[in-house]
Amino acid sequence: MRQFKTGILSLDAQLRGGFPEGSVILILEDPGAGGDVLSYHFAVEGAKSGDKVLYVSTDDPADYIRESMRCLDGDTIEKIEILDFVSPKLQSATPRDFLRRMRYDPLNGLRTLLNTESFDRVVVNNLTFFLLHYDKEEVFKLIEDFSMYSKRDNSVYLIMLTKGMFDSRTETAMKHVADGVIELTLKEVENEMQRRLKFLKLKRILVPKAILRYDITEKGIKMESVMRVL
C-alpha cells in the first residue's frame, strides 16, 4: 500500500508515512486554523514527488494559490494543475476546455473532469462553496464519487470544510463518508491563540492518539509539540 506524504515531517511521522492510497481525507477546520496551508504542503509534496496533482480552488484565484505555495518550493508549483472557480475566467493552466463551458455548474464540471481523467492527488478547497450552492445530497454524492475515483486511481483526495457553518448533522454526514477526518482548531490560551490538530478517523492505519500543536510560519506549518489526550 502506497502512502502519500503530507510534506510536513512531524505529521508524516504520526501517520507512519502519510495518507493511505485510495482515501478521501476531510480537513474540518476553524476559520483561520490554516487548513489552506496544510493543503499547499500536500499539493507541493506531490509535485516534488512527480505525482499528477489537481488543486481545486473555490475561494482564491490561481495566481494567489501559486504565490502562497511559492515559499514551500518555487520550482515545482507550475507542475500543479489549478482549477479556479474564482477568477472572471478560468486560467489557461486549468485542466480542460470543456470545464470553461461548464463553469456555470462547477460541481458537475468537476465530476466530469475526474470521471474522465486520473490524478494522484486532488485537493478541493473548499467544500463550503458546494454546500452553499447545491443541495446537500448532491455534495454527499460528489464525495462518494471522490471515494470511487480515489480507489480507482489509488490516489488521495484532500477535501476542506469550514466548521460551524452548517448543522451538526451535515458535519457528521461528511465525516461518515470520508475515509479520514482531521480537525484543525483554534484555542485562546492566556494571551495567545494556539492551533491544534487532531485525528478523528483514519481507515487502514492506526489513528494517532496525539494532539499536535502547530504554528503558521513564513515556511508553512511548523509542528511545535505533542500533547497526549488525557
C-alpha atoms as a PDB file:
ATOM      1  CA  MET A   1       0.000   0.000   0.000  1.00  0.00           C
ATOM      2  CA  ARG A   2       1.392   3.343  -1.017  1.00  0.00           C
ATOM      3  CA  GLN A   3       1.270   6.186   1.488  1.00  0.00           C
ATOM      4  CA  PHE A   4       1.194   9.802   0.371  1.00  0.00           C
ATOM      5  CA  LYS A   5       3.383  12.155   2.393  1.00  0.00           C
ATOM      6  CA  THR A   6       1.803  15.402   3.547  1.00  0.00           C
ATOM      7  CA  GLY A   7       5.010  17.399   3.206  1.00  0.00           C
ATOM      8  CA  ILE A   8       5.044  18.078   6.975  1.00  0.00           C
ATOM      9  CA  LEU A   9       7.647  15.820   8.600  1.00  0.00           C
ATOM     10  CA  SER A  10       6.115  15.654  12.078  1.00  0.00           C
ATOM     11  CA  LEU A  11       2.684  14.904  10.657  1.00  0.00           C
ATOM     12  CA  ASP A  12       4.041  12.177   8.375  1.00  0.00           C
ATOM     13  CA  ALA A  13       5.778  10.630  11.386  1.00  0.00           C
ATOM     14  CA  GLN A  14       2.461  10.472  13.255  1.00  0.00           C
ATOM     15  CA  LEU A  15       0.870   8.870  10.193  1.00  0.00           C
ATOM     16  CA  ARG A  16       3.775   6.413   9.864  1.00  0.00           C
ATOM     17  CA  GLY A  17       4.448   7.584   6.341  1.00  0.00           C
ATOM     18  CA  GLY A  18       1.409   9.521   5.154  1.00  0.00           C
ATOM     19  CA  PHE A  19      -2.169   9.063   3.982  1.00  0.00           C
ATOM     20  CA  PRO A  20      -3.009   5.619   2.548  1.00  0.00           C
ATOM     21  CA  GLU A  21      -3.837   5.341  -1.141  1.00  0.00           C
ATOM     22  CA  GLY A  22      -7.497   5.128  -2.081  1.00  0.00           C
ATOM     23  CA  SER A  23      -8.554   7.618   0.588  1.00  0.00           C
ATOM     24  CA  VAL A  24     -10.701  10.718   0.910  1.00  0.00           C
ATOM     25  CA  ILE A  25      -9.384  12.840   3.780  1.00  0.00           C
ATOM     26  CA  LEU A  26     -11.658  15.523   5.241  1.00  0.00           C
ATOM     27  CA  ILE A  27      -9.968  18.525   6.871  1.00  0.00           C
ATOM     28  CA  LEU A  28     -12.512  20.070   9.235  1.00  0.00           C
ATOM     29  CA  GLU A  29     -11.182  23.456  10.316  1.00  0.00           C
ATOM     30  CA  ASP A  30     -11.959  26.521  12.365  1.00  0.00           C
ATOM     31  CA  PRO A  31     -11.697  29.725  10.304  1.00  0.00           C
ATOM     32  CA  GLY A  32      -8.087  30.854  10.490  1.00  0.00           C
ATOM     33  CA  ALA A  33      -6.731  27.474  11.572  1.00  0.00           C
ATOM     34  CA  GLY A  34      -4.587  27.153   8.441  1.00  0.00           C
ATOM     35  CA  GLY A  35      -6.215  24.330   6.533  1.00  0.00           C
ATOM     36  CA  ASP A  36      -5.321  26.030   3.278  1.00  0.00           C
ATOM     37  CA  VAL A  37      -1.634  25.975   4.254  1.00  0.00           C
ATOM     38  CA  LEU A  38      -1.841  22.247   5.001  1.00  0.00           C
ATOM     39  CA  SER A  39      -3.362  21.739   1.563  1.00  0.00           C
ATOM     40  CA  TYR A  40      -0.467  23.668  -0.026  1.00  0.00           C
ATOM     41  CA  HIS A  41       2.038  21.347   1.670  1.00  0.00           C
ATOM     42  CA  PHE A  42       0.162  18.301   0.383  1.00  0.00           C
ATOM     43  CA  ALA A  43      -0.027  19.597  -3.197  1.00  0.00           C
ATOM     44  CA  VAL A  44       3.596  20.761  -3.354  1.00  0.00           C
ATOM     45  CA  GLU A  45       4.869  17.490  -1.862  1.00  0.00           C
ATOM     46  CA  GLY A  46       3.030  15.692  -4.644  1.00  0.00           C
ATOM     47  CA  ALA A  47       4.580  17.861  -7.339  1.00  0.00           C
ATOM     48  CA  LYS A  48       8.042  17.280  -5.849  1.00  0.00           C
ATOM     49  CA  SER A  49       7.400  13.521  -5.900  1.00  0.00           C
ATOM     50  CA  GLY A  50       6.328  13.537  -9.544  1.00  0.00           C
ATOM     51  CA  ASP A  51       2.646  12.980  -8.795  1.00  0.00           C
ATOM     52  CA  LYS A  52      -0.073  14.352 -11.023  1.00  0.00           C
ATOM     53  CA  VAL A  53      -1.745  16.977  -8.818  1.00  0.00           C
ATOM     54  CA  LEU A  54      -5.047  18.815  -9.237  1.00  0.00           C
ATOM     55  CA  TYR A  55      -5.845  21.717  -6.905  1.00  0.00           C
ATOM     56  CA  VAL A  56      -9.461  22.921  -6.989  1.00  0.00           C
ATOM     57  CA  SER A  57      -9.892  26.421  -5.565  1.00  0.00           C
ATOM     58  CA  THR A  58     -13.315  27.868  -4.838  1.00  0.00           C
ATOM     59  CA  ASP A  59     -12.126  30.745  -2.627  1.00  0.00           C
ATOM     60  CA  ASP A  60      -8.946  32.173  -4.183  1.00  0.00           C
ATOM     61  CA  PRO A  61      -7.689  32.760  -7.750  1.00  0.00           C
ATOM     62  CA  ALA A  62      -4.976  30.534  -9.200  1.00  0.00           C
ATOM     63  CA  ASP A  63      -2.284  33.220  -9.078  1.00  0.00           C
ATOM     64  CA  TYR A  64      -2.896  33.700  -5.349  1.00  0.00           C
ATOM     65  CA  ILE A  65      -2.668  29.947  -4.739  1.00  0.00           C
ATOM     66  CA  ARG A  66       0.636  29.675  -6.597  1.00  0.00           C
ATOM     67  CA  GLU A  67       2.094  32.666  -4.785  1.00  0.00           C
ATOM     68  CA  SER A  68       1.053  31.175  -1.440  1.00  0.00           C
ATOM     69  CA  MET A  69       2.768  27.896  -2.354  1.00  0.00           C
ATOM     70  CA  ARG A  70       5.970  29.576  -3.501  1.00  0.00           C
ATOM     71  CA  CYS A  71       7.555  29.614  -0.032  1.00  0.00           C
ATOM     72  CA  LEU A  72       7.313  25.806   0.082  1.00  0.00           C
ATOM     73  CA  ASP A  73       9.000  25.083  -3.253  1.00  0.00           C
ATOM     74  CA  GLY A  74       9.022  27.669  -6.013  1.00  0.00           C
ATOM     75  CA  ASP A  75      10.488  25.272  -8.575  1.00  0.00           C
ATOM     76  CA  THR A  76       7.645  22.761  -8.678  1.00  0.00           C
ATOM     77  CA  ILE A  77       4.445  24.756  -8.262  1.00  0.00           C
ATOM     78  CA  GLU A  78       3.982  25.209 -12.017  1.00  0.00           C
ATOM     79  CA  LYS A  79       3.531  21.434 -12.265  1.00  0.00           C
ATOM     80  CA  ILE A  80       0.344  21.668 -10.200  1.00  0.00           C
ATOM     81  CA  GLU A  81      -2.855  21.981 -12.227  1.00  0.00           C
ATOM     82  CA  ILE A  82      -5.145  24.543 -10.611  1.00  0.00           C
ATOM     83  CA  LEU A  83      -8.863  24.605 -11.340  1.00  0.00           C
ATOM     84  CA  ASP A  84     -10.023  28.068 -10.325  1.00  0.00           C
ATOM     85  CA  PHE A  85     -13.727  28.866  -9.927  1.00  0.00           C
ATOM     86  CA  VAL A  86     -12.978  32.377  -8.644  1.00  0.00           C
ATOM     87  CA  SER A  87     -11.389  34.348 -11.481  1.00  0.00           C
ATOM     88  CA  PRO A  88     -13.548  36.026 -14.152  1.00  0.00           C
ATOM     89  CA  LYS A  89     -12.418  33.285 -16.498  1.00  0.00           C
ATOM     90  CA  LEU A  90     -10.594  30.042 -15.852  1.00  0.00           C
ATOM     91  CA  GLN A  91      -6.821  30.294 -16.041  1.00  0.00           C
ATOM     92  CA  SER A  92      -5.145  28.901 -19.146  1.00  0.00           C
ATOM     93  CA  ALA A  93      -3.384  26.295 -16.987  1.00  0.00           C
ATOM     94  CA  THR A  94      -6.622  24.732 -15.792  1.00  0.00           C
ATOM     95  CA  PRO A  95      -7.187  21.209 -16.984  1.00  0.00           C
ATOM     96  CA  ARG A  96      -9.708  21.089 -19.817  1.00  0.00           C
ATOM     97  CA  ASP A  97     -11.572  23.398 -22.183  1.00  0.00           C
ATOM     98  CA  PHE A  98     -14.927  21.725 -21.572  1.00  0.00           C
ATOM     99  CA  LEU A  99     -14.832  22.996 -17.995  1.00  0.00           C
ATOM    100  CA  ARG A 100     -14.968  26.539 -19.340  1.00  0.00           C
ATOM    101  CA  ARG A 101     -18.308  25.708 -20.899  1.00  0.00           C
ATOM    102  CA  MET A 102     -19.466  24.087 -17.657  1.00  0.00           C
ATOM    103  CA  ARG A 103     -18.339  26.854 -15.338  1.00  0.00           C
ATOM    104  CA  TYR A 104     -21.959  27.693 -14.582  1.00  0.00           C
ATOM    105  CA  ASP A 105     -22.140  24.262 -12.929  1.00  0.00           C
ATOM    106  CA  PRO A 106     -18.833  23.735 -11.069  1.00  0.00           C
ATOM    107  CA  LEU A 107     -19.920  20.581  -9.246  1.00  0.00           C
ATOM    108  CA  ASN A 108     -20.820  18.608 -12.347  1.00  0.00           C
ATOM    109  CA  GLY A 109     -17.938  20.126 -14.297  1.00  0.00           C
ATOM    110  CA  LEU A 110     -15.545  18.851 -11.638  1.00  0.00           C
ATOM    111  CA  ARG A 111     -17.243  15.449 -11.604  1.00  0.00           C
ATOM    112  CA  THR A 112     -16.910  15.203 -15.394  1.00  0.00           C
ATOM    113  CA  LEU A 113     -13.205  16.005 -15.263  1.00  0.00           C
ATOM    114  CA  LEU A 114     -12.465  13.484 -12.512  1.00  0.00           C
ATOM    115  CA  ASN A 115     -14.571  10.811 -14.183  1.00  0.00           C
ATOM    116  CA  THR A 116     -12.548  11.085 -17.379  1.00  0.00           C
ATOM    117  CA  GLU A 117      -9.054  11.823 -16.092  1.00  0.00           C
ATOM    118  CA  SER A 118      -6.873  10.371 -13.347  1.00  0.00           C
ATOM    119  CA  PHE A 119      -4.824  12.273 -10.766  1.00  0.00           C
ATOM    120  CA  ASP A 120      -2.572  11.051  -7.964  1.00  0.00           C
ATOM    121  CA  ARG A 121      -3.531  13.862  -5.591  1.00  0.00           C
ATOM    122  CA  VAL A 122      -6.629  16.050  -5.641  1.00  0.00           C
ATOM    123  CA  VAL A 123      -7.262  18.965  -3.279  1.00  0.00           C
ATOM    124  CA  VAL A 124     -10.716  20.561  -3.031  1.00  0.00           C
ATOM    125  CA  ASN A 125     -10.560  23.861  -1.186  1.00  0.00           C
ATOM    126  CA  ASN A 126     -13.353  24.356  -0.129  1.00  0.00           C
ATOM    127  CA  LEU A 127     -16.456  22.156   0.123  1.00  0.00           C
ATOM    128  CA  THR A 128     -18.249  25.044   1.811  1.00  0.00           C
ATOM    129  CA  PHE A 129     -18.728  26.572  -1.643  1.00  0.00           C
ATOM    130  CA  PHE A 130     -20.587  23.494  -2.900  1.00  0.00           C
ATOM    131  CA  LEU A 131     -22.742  23.169   0.224  1.00  0.00           C
ATOM    132  CA  LEU A 132     -23.812  26.798  -0.166  1.00  0.00           C
ATOM    133  CA  HIS A 133     -24.718  26.445  -3.848  1.00  0.00           C
ATOM    134  CA  TYR A 134     -26.038  22.888  -4.163  1.00  0.00           C
ATOM    135  CA  ASP A 135     -28.362  20.535  -2.311  1.00  0.00           C
ATOM    136  CA  LYS A 136     -26.549  18.644   0.419  1.00  0.00           C
ATOM    137  CA  GLU A 137     -27.397  15.298  -1.151  1.00  0.00           C
ATOM    138  CA  GLU A 138     -25.605  16.351  -4.340  1.00  0.00           C
ATOM    139  CA  VAL A 139     -22.494  17.227  -2.343  1.00  0.00           C
ATOM    140  CA  PHE A 140     -22.602  13.928  -0.433  1.00  0.00           C
ATOM    141  CA  LYS A 141     -22.858  12.115  -3.770  1.00  0.00           C
ATOM    142  CA  LEU A 142     -19.851  14.072  -5.045  1.00  0.00           C
ATOM    143  CA  ILE A 143     -17.782  12.915  -2.065  1.00  0.00           C
ATOM    144  CA  GLU A 144     -18.899   9.335  -2.674  1.00  0.00           C
ATOM    145  CA  ASP A 145     -17.669   9.789  -6.248  1.00  0.00           C
ATOM    146  CA  PHE A 146     -14.353  11.096  -4.879  1.00  0.00           C
ATOM    147  CA  SER A 147     -14.074   7.860  -2.893  1.00  0.00           C
ATOM    148  CA  MET A 148     -14.730   5.799  -6.006  1.00  0.00           C
ATOM    149  CA  TYR A 149     -12.157   7.764  -8.049  1.00  0.00           C
ATOM    150  CA  SER A 150      -9.533   7.520  -5.295  1.00  0.00           C
ATOM    151  CA  LYS A 151      -9.842   3.738  -5.203  1.00  0.00           C
ATOM    152  CA  ARG A 152      -9.877   3.507  -8.988  1.00  0.00           C
ATOM    153  CA  ASP A 153      -6.671   5.539  -9.270  1.00  0.00           C
ATOM    154  CA  ASN A 154      -5.003   4.572  -5.959  1.00  0.00           C
ATOM    155  CA  SER A 155      -4.935   8.275  -5.179  1.00  0.00           C
ATOM    156  CA  VAL A 156      -5.702  10.584  -2.252  1.00  0.00           C
ATOM    157  CA  TYR A 157      -8.347  13.316  -2.168  1.00  0.00           C
ATOM    158  CA  LEU A 158      -7.883  16.067   0.416  1.00  0.00           C
ATOM    159  CA  ILE A 159     -11.125  17.993   0.928  1.00  0.00           C
ATOM    160  CA  MET A 160     -11.609  21.032   3.157  1.00  0.00           C
ATOM    161  CA  LEU A 161     -14.678  22.104   5.139  1.00  0.00           C
ATOM    162  CA  THR A 162     -15.136  25.089   7.448  1.00  0.00           C
ATOM    163  CA  LYS A 163     -16.512  24.161  10.877  1.00  0.00           C
ATOM    164  CA  GLY A 164     -19.641  25.754  12.280  1.00  0.00           C
ATOM    165  CA  MET A 165     -21.211  26.958   9.021  1.00  0.00           C
ATOM    166  CA  PHE A 166     -23.639  24.043   8.763  1.00  0.00           C
ATOM    167  CA  ASP A 167     -25.684  21.996  11.203  1.00  0.00           C
ATOM    168  CA  SER A 168     -24.136  19.129  13.148  1.00  0.00           C
ATOM    169  CA  ARG A 169     -25.967  16.503  11.060  1.00  0.00           C
ATOM    170  CA  THR A 170     -24.291  17.809   7.912  1.00  0.00           C
ATOM    171  CA  GLU A 171     -20.847  17.726   9.519  1.00  0.00           C
ATOM    172  CA  THR A 172     -21.473  14.218  10.861  1.00  0.00           C
ATOM    173  CA  ALA A 173     -22.568  13.010   7.423  1.00  0.00           C
ATOM    174  CA  MET A 174     -19.403  14.450   5.883  1.00  0.00           C
ATOM    175  CA  LYS A 175     -17.295  12.680   8.500  1.00  0.00           C
ATOM    176  CA  HIS A 176     -19.113   9.434   7.756  1.00  0.00           C
ATOM    177  CA  VAL A 177     -18.473   9.411   4.008  1.00  0.00           C
ATOM    178  CA  ALA A 178     -14.797  10.392   4.341  1.00  0.00           C
ATOM    179  CA  ASP A 179     -12.122   7.743   4.919  1.00  0.00           C
ATOM    180  CA  GLY A 180     -10.185  10.030   7.229  1.00  0.00           C
ATOM    181  CA  VAL A 181     -11.032  13.110   9.280  1.00  0.00           C
ATOM    182  CA  ILE A 182      -8.562  15.630  10.680  1.00  0.00           C
ATOM    183  CA  GLU A 183      -9.756  18.519  12.807  1.00  0.00           C
ATOM    184  CA  LEU A 184      -7.895  21.832  12.977  1.00  0.00           C
ATOM    185  CA  THR A 185      -8.904  24.101  15.846  1.00  0.00           C
ATOM    186  CA  LEU A 186      -8.023  27.465  17.349  1.00  0.00           C
ATOM    187  CA  LYS A 187      -7.949  27.881  21.108  1.00  0.00           C
ATOM    188  CA  GLU A 188      -7.275  31.010  23.128  1.00  0.00           C
ATOM    189  CA  VAL A 189      -4.758  30.307  25.898  1.00  0.00           C
ATOM    190  CA  GLU A 190      -3.840  33.223  28.152  1.00  0.00           C
ATOM    191  CA  ASN A 191      -2.616  35.906  25.754  1.00  0.00           C
ATOM    192  CA  GLU A 192      -2.187  33.872  22.564  1.00  0.00           C
ATOM    193  CA  MET A 193      -4.071  31.784  20.044  1.00  0.00           C
ATOM    194  CA  GLN A 194      -2.972  28.163  19.792  1.00  0.00           C
ATOM    195  CA  ARG A 195      -3.575  25.976  16.765  1.00  0.00           C
ATOM    196  CA  ARG A 196      -4.178  22.275  17.323  1.00  0.00           C
ATOM    197  CA  LEU A 197      -4.522  19.259  15.045  1.00  0.00           C
ATOM    198  CA  LYS A 198      -6.185  16.007  15.998  1.00  0.00           C
ATOM    199  CA  PHE A 199      -7.131  12.849  14.140  1.00  0.00           C
ATOM    200  CA  LEU A 200     -10.765  11.797  14.453  1.00  0.00           C
ATOM    201  CA  LYS A 201     -10.794   8.934  11.965  1.00  0.00           C
ATOM    202  CA  LEU A 202      -8.409   7.202   9.578  1.00  0.00           C
ATOM    203  CA  LYS A 203      -9.100   3.921   7.799  1.00  0.00           C
ATOM    204  CA  ARG A 204      -6.452   1.226   7.265  1.00  0.00           C
ATOM    205  CA  ILE A 205      -3.825   2.754   9.546  1.00  0.00           C
ATOM    206  CA  LEU A 206      -3.651   3.190  13.298  1.00  0.00           C
ATOM    207  CA  VAL A 207      -5.222   6.507  14.263  1.00  0.00           C
ATOM    208  CA  PRO A 208      -2.622   8.643  16.082  1.00  0.00           C
ATOM    209  CA  LYS A 209      -3.708   9.496  19.628  1.00  0.00           C
ATOM    210  CA  ALA A 210      -1.607  12.631  19.859  1.00  0.00           C
ATOM    211  CA  ILE A 211      -2.967  16.144  19.615  1.00  0.00           C
ATOM    212  CA  LEU A 212      -0.404  18.212  17.738  1.00  0.00           C
ATOM    213  CA  ARG A 213       0.212  21.878  18.314  1.00  0.00           C
ATOM    214  CA  TYR A 214       1.390  23.828  15.308  1.00  0.00           C
ATOM    215  CA  ASP A 215       2.069  27.331  14.080  1.00  0.00           C
ATOM    216  CA  ILE A 216       1.863  29.078  10.719  1.00  0.00           C
ATOM    217  CA  THR A 217       5.253  30.473   9.686  1.00  0.00           C
ATOM    218  CA  GLU A 218       6.782  32.012   6.571  1.00  0.00           C
ATOM    219  CA  LYS A 219       7.788  28.470   5.586  1.00  0.00           C
ATOM    220  CA  GLY A 220       4.346  26.972   6.124  1.00  0.00           C
ATOM    221  CA  ILE A 221       3.187  24.782   9.003  1.00  0.00           C
ATOM    222  CA  LYS A 222       5.586  24.037  11.839  1.00  0.00           C
ATOM    223  CA  MET A 223       4.641  21.472  14.467  1.00  0.00           C
ATOM    224  CA  GLU A 224       5.601  22.692  17.920  1.00  0.00           C
ATOM    225  CA  SER A 225       4.937  19.953  20.465  1.00  0.00           C
ATOM    226  CA  VAL A 226       2.912  16.848  21.224  1.00  0.00           C
ATOM    227  CA  MET A 227       0.206  16.654  23.873  1.00  0.00           C
ATOM    228  CA  ARG A 228      -1.279  13.299  24.809  1.00  0.00           C
ATOM    229  CA  VAL A 229      -5.033  13.002  25.150  1.00  0.00           C
ATOM    230  CA  LEU A 230      -5.927  12.590  28.833  1.00  0.00           C
END
